């Protein structure tokens, strides 16, 4: 919780400072779909299944070719794990994967109405259990995006993108959830790859 509070405060400060110098500001509610991610663990596999994704982005256009973006994405799904390891108890739970980012966008204007973009994001990702079967796990995360923005009017448009988000584990730790049976605890290194497609409505507010 402390990490997320610090990140949120930092994002707010950057957003306020950047907005005052921006050439344009866009607010985009986003929805889409994220595909499942399967992870190998000792003697078996763990899986975070696919699900509906929603969130939003605040894009601050510094110029015609560069932008700063603050974004949040969430998808709710199920996680399962099974293993032939002695004493391992099959795991299944409803979970939610969240990402909060700040990043840079490179813009590629094609016409006055159509602009392509790529982006790199940095922030936090956290995996939580709805039934509290494990504690919320938070890790530094990064993401990559590519897509296109199509403006129908000067103030309203659509945004279509593909994205790849993932938590990053340092050499001294790993991203995992645990489950136990007969006194046996088991941890699996979990390189989650949240790959999906999203779209949204763009509202220019400046």
Protein backbone atom coordinates (compact mmCIF):
# COMPACT_ATOMS: atom_id res chain seq x y z
CA UNK A 1 0.00 0.00 0.00
CA UNK A 2 2.86 2.38 0.80
CA UNK A 3 4.45 1.78 -2.62
CA UNK A 4 1.17 2.47 -4.39
CA UNK A 5 0.60 5.66 -2.37
CA UNK A 6 4.07 6.97 -3.24
CA UNK A 7 3.55 6.11 -6.91
CA UNK A 8 0.15 7.82 -6.97
CA UNK A 9 1.55 10.97 -5.35
CA UNK A 10 4.43 11.05 -7.85
CA UNK A 11 2.07 10.62 -10.79
CA UNK A 12 -0.13 13.46 -9.55
CA UNK A 13 2.84 15.83 -9.21
CA UNK A 14 4.16 14.97 -12.67
CA UNK A 15 0.68 15.32 -14.17
CA UNK A 16 0.03 18.75 -12.67
CA UNK A 17 3.47 20.04 -13.69
CA UNK A 18 3.21 18.68 -17.23
CA UNK A 19 -0.35 19.87 -17.84
CA UNK A 20 0.61 23.52 -17.35
CA UNK A 21 3.11 23.27 -20.24
CA UNK A 22 1.08 21.00 -22.50
CA UNK A 23 -0.01 21.81 -26.04
CA UNK A 24 -2.97 19.48 -25.60
CA UNK A 25 -4.51 17.15 -23.01
CA UNK A 26 -6.59 14.04 -23.74
CA UNK A 27 -8.69 11.89 -21.42
CA UNK A 28 -9.38 8.35 -22.69
CA UNK A 29 -11.57 5.74 -20.93
CA UNK A 30 -10.29 2.36 -22.15
CA UNK A 31 -11.70 -1.17 -22.41
CA UNK A 32 -10.43 -4.34 -24.04
CA UNK A 33 -9.24 -7.89 -23.53
CA UNK A 34 -6.13 -9.49 -22.00
CA UNK A 35 -5.05 -13.02 -22.93
CA UNK A 36 -4.04 -15.71 -20.44
CA UNK A 37 -0.50 -16.20 -19.17
CA UNK A 38 0.85 -19.67 -18.30
CA UNK A 39 3.83 -20.15 -16.00
CA UNK A 40 5.91 -23.25 -15.32
CA UNK A 41 6.36 -24.14 -11.64
CA UNK A 42 7.99 -27.16 -9.99
CA UNK A 43 6.19 -30.25 -11.28
CA UNK A 44 3.37 -28.39 -12.99
CA UNK A 45 1.92 -25.11 -14.21
CA UNK A 46 0.27 -21.99 -12.90
CA UNK A 47 -2.03 -19.88 -15.01
CA UNK A 48 -3.58 -16.44 -14.89
CA UNK A 49 -6.51 -16.67 -17.26
CA UNK A 50 -7.80 -14.15 -19.77
CA UNK A 51 -10.32 -11.47 -18.99
CA UNK A 52 -12.03 -8.18 -19.77
CA UNK A 53 -9.76 -5.16 -19.23
CA UNK A 54 -10.75 -1.63 -18.31
CA UNK A 55 -9.04 1.56 -17.23
CA UNK A 56 -8.10 4.97 -18.51
CA UNK A 57 -5.30 7.23 -19.69
CA UNK A 58 -4.48 10.91 -19.33
CA UNK A 59 -2.30 11.97 -22.25
CA UNK A 60 -0.34 15.23 -22.11
CA UNK A 61 0.91 16.27 -25.55
CA UNK A 62 4.22 18.12 -25.19
CA UNK A 63 4.53 18.57 -28.97
CA UNK A 64 3.21 17.13 -32.22
CA UNK A 65 5.62 14.20 -31.85
CA UNK A 66 5.96 13.55 -28.10
CA UNK A 67 3.59 13.01 -25.18
CA UNK A 68 3.57 11.98 -21.52
CA UNK A 69 0.87 9.60 -20.35
CA UNK A 70 -0.47 8.49 -16.97
CA UNK A 71 -2.56 5.31 -17.18
CA UNK A 72 -4.31 2.62 -15.15
CA UNK A 73 -5.41 -0.84 -16.31
CA UNK A 74 -7.22 -3.63 -14.46
CA UNK A 75 -8.53 -7.03 -15.40
CA UNK A 76 -10.38 -9.56 -13.24
CA UNK A 77 -9.99 -13.26 -13.90
CA UNK A 78 -9.11 -16.57 -12.21
CA UNK A 79 -5.73 -18.03 -11.29
CA UNK A 80 -5.03 -21.75 -11.03
CA UNK A 81 -1.99 -23.86 -10.12
CA UNK A 82 -1.39 -27.59 -10.05
CA UNK A 83 1.68 -29.70 -9.51
CA UNK A 84 2.80 -33.29 -9.01
CA UNK A 85 5.03 -32.08 -6.17
CA UNK A 86 4.33 -34.09 -3.00
CA UNK A 87 1.93 -32.30 -0.68
CA UNK A 88 0.95 -29.60 -3.17
CA UNK A 89 -2.70 -28.63 -2.93
CA UNK A 90 -4.39 -27.57 -6.17
CA UNK A 91 -4.91 -23.81 -6.14
CA UNK A 92 -7.78 -21.85 -7.68
CA UNK A 93 -8.91 -18.33 -6.90
CA UNK A 94 -10.54 -15.23 -8.34
CA UNK A 95 -7.88 -12.56 -8.81
CA UNK A 96 -7.43 -9.06 -10.16
CA UNK A 97 -4.33 -7.80 -11.98
CA UNK A 98 -3.70 -4.06 -11.84
CA UNK A 99 -1.16 -1.79 -13.51
CA UNK A 100 -0.49 1.91 -12.85
CA UNK A 101 1.95 3.61 -15.20
CA UNK A 102 3.62 6.80 -16.30
CA UNK A 103 5.32 6.72 -19.68
CA UNK A 104 6.38 8.44 -22.83
CA UNK A 105 4.67 8.34 -26.21
CA UNK A 106 6.23 8.87 -29.62
CA UNK A 107 3.62 10.22 -32.05
CA UNK A 108 3.58 9.69 -35.81
CA UNK A 109 1.07 12.09 -37.42
CA UNK A 110 -0.17 10.73 -40.75
CA UNK A 111 -2.90 13.29 -41.40
CA UNK A 112 -4.68 15.95 -39.35
CA UNK A 113 -7.07 13.23 -38.12
CA UNK A 114 -4.89 10.11 -37.88
CA UNK A 115 -1.85 9.66 -35.63
CA UNK A 116 0.08 6.48 -34.95
CA UNK A 117 1.94 6.03 -31.65
CA UNK A 118 4.29 3.82 -29.70
CA UNK A 119 4.96 4.02 -25.98
CA UNK A 120 7.02 2.73 -23.08
CA UNK A 121 5.58 2.79 -19.54
CA UNK A 122 7.00 2.33 -16.05
CA UNK A 123 5.16 1.93 -12.76
CA UNK A 124 3.66 -0.75 -10.52
CA UNK A 125 1.74 -3.97 -11.05
CA UNK A 126 -0.13 -5.76 -8.30
CA UNK A 127 -1.98 -9.08 -8.14
CA UNK A 128 -4.71 -9.43 -5.54
CA UNK A 129 -6.98 -12.22 -4.35
CA UNK A 130 -10.70 -11.58 -3.98
CA UNK A 131 -10.97 -14.28 -1.29
CA UNK A 132 -7.73 -13.32 0.47
CA UNK A 133 -6.12 -16.69 -0.23
CA UNK A 134 -2.82 -14.84 -0.56
CA UNK A 135 -1.58 -11.35 0.23
CA UNK A 136 -1.54 -8.74 -2.53
CA UNK A 137 1.75 -8.92 -4.44
CA UNK A 138 3.20 -5.67 -5.81
CA UNK A 139 6.13 -5.36 -8.20
CA UNK A 140 7.81 -2.72 -10.32
CA UNK A 141 6.38 -3.12 -13.83
CA UNK A 142 6.84 -1.90 -17.35
CA UNK A 143 4.77 -1.92 -20.51
CA UNK A 144 4.88 -1.39 -24.24
CA UNK A 145 2.11 -0.05 -26.48
CA UNK A 146 1.49 0.60 -30.15
CA UNK A 147 -1.61 1.86 -31.85
CA UNK A 148 -3.45 4.60 -33.67
CA UNK A 149 -5.63 7.57 -32.76
CA UNK A 150 -8.39 8.66 -35.15
CA UNK A 151 -10.12 11.98 -34.45
CA UNK A 152 -13.72 12.26 -35.65
CA UNK A 153 -13.89 15.93 -34.60
CA UNK A 154 -11.49 18.41 -33.01
CA UNK A 155 -12.56 17.18 -29.56
CA UNK A 156 -13.59 13.51 -29.90
CA UNK A 157 -11.90 10.49 -31.43
CA UNK A 158 -11.12 6.80 -30.96
CA UNK A 159 -7.95 5.05 -29.87
CA UNK A 160 -7.00 1.48 -30.83
CA UNK A 161 -3.92 -0.23 -29.41
CA UNK A 162 -2.12 -3.45 -28.63
CA UNK A 163 -0.15 -3.67 -25.41
CA UNK A 164 2.21 -5.85 -23.40
CA UNK A 165 2.57 -5.30 -19.64
CA UNK A 166 4.69 -7.29 -17.20
CA UNK A 167 6.00 -7.16 -13.62
CA UNK A 168 9.78 -7.13 -13.27
CA UNK A 169 11.47 -9.29 -10.59
CA UNK A 170 14.89 -8.30 -9.33
CA UNK A 171 17.74 -10.74 -8.81
CA UNK A 172 16.97 -10.74 -5.11
CA UNK A 173 13.33 -11.64 -5.35
CA UNK A 174 10.59 -13.17 -7.42
CA UNK A 175 6.96 -12.57 -8.26
CA UNK A 176 4.97 -15.48 -6.83
CA UNK A 177 1.94 -16.68 -4.98
CA UNK A 178 2.06 -19.46 -2.45
CA UNK A 179 -0.20 -22.30 -1.47
CA UNK A 180 0.43 -25.17 0.92
CA UNK A 181 -0.80 -28.61 1.91
CA UNK A 182 0.39 -30.99 4.62
CA UNK A 183 2.82 -28.38 5.85
CA UNK A 184 4.45 -27.94 2.43
CA UNK A 185 4.77 -24.43 0.97
CA UNK A 186 5.56 -23.94 -2.69
CA UNK A 187 6.71 -20.86 -4.59
CA UNK A 188 6.89 -20.51 -8.34
CA UNK A 189 8.68 -17.78 -10.29
CA UNK A 190 5.93 -16.05 -12.24
CA UNK A 191 6.92 -14.00 -15.31
CA UNK A 192 3.44 -12.68 -16.08
CA UNK A 193 2.95 -11.35 -19.59
CA UNK A 194 -0.28 -9.36 -19.85
CA UNK A 195 -0.79 -9.14 -23.61
CA UNK A 196 -3.99 -7.75 -25.06
CA UNK A 197 -5.91 -5.30 -27.22
CA UNK A 198 -7.69 -2.18 -26.01
CA UNK A 199 -9.75 0.64 -27.41
CA UNK A 200 -11.24 3.82 -26.08
CA UNK A 201 -12.91 7.16 -26.73
CA UNK A 202 -10.62 10.18 -26.78
CA UNK A 203 -11.88 13.42 -25.25
CA UNK A 204 -9.66 16.47 -25.77
CA UNK A 205 -9.95 18.64 -22.70
CA UNK A 206 -7.35 21.24 -23.66
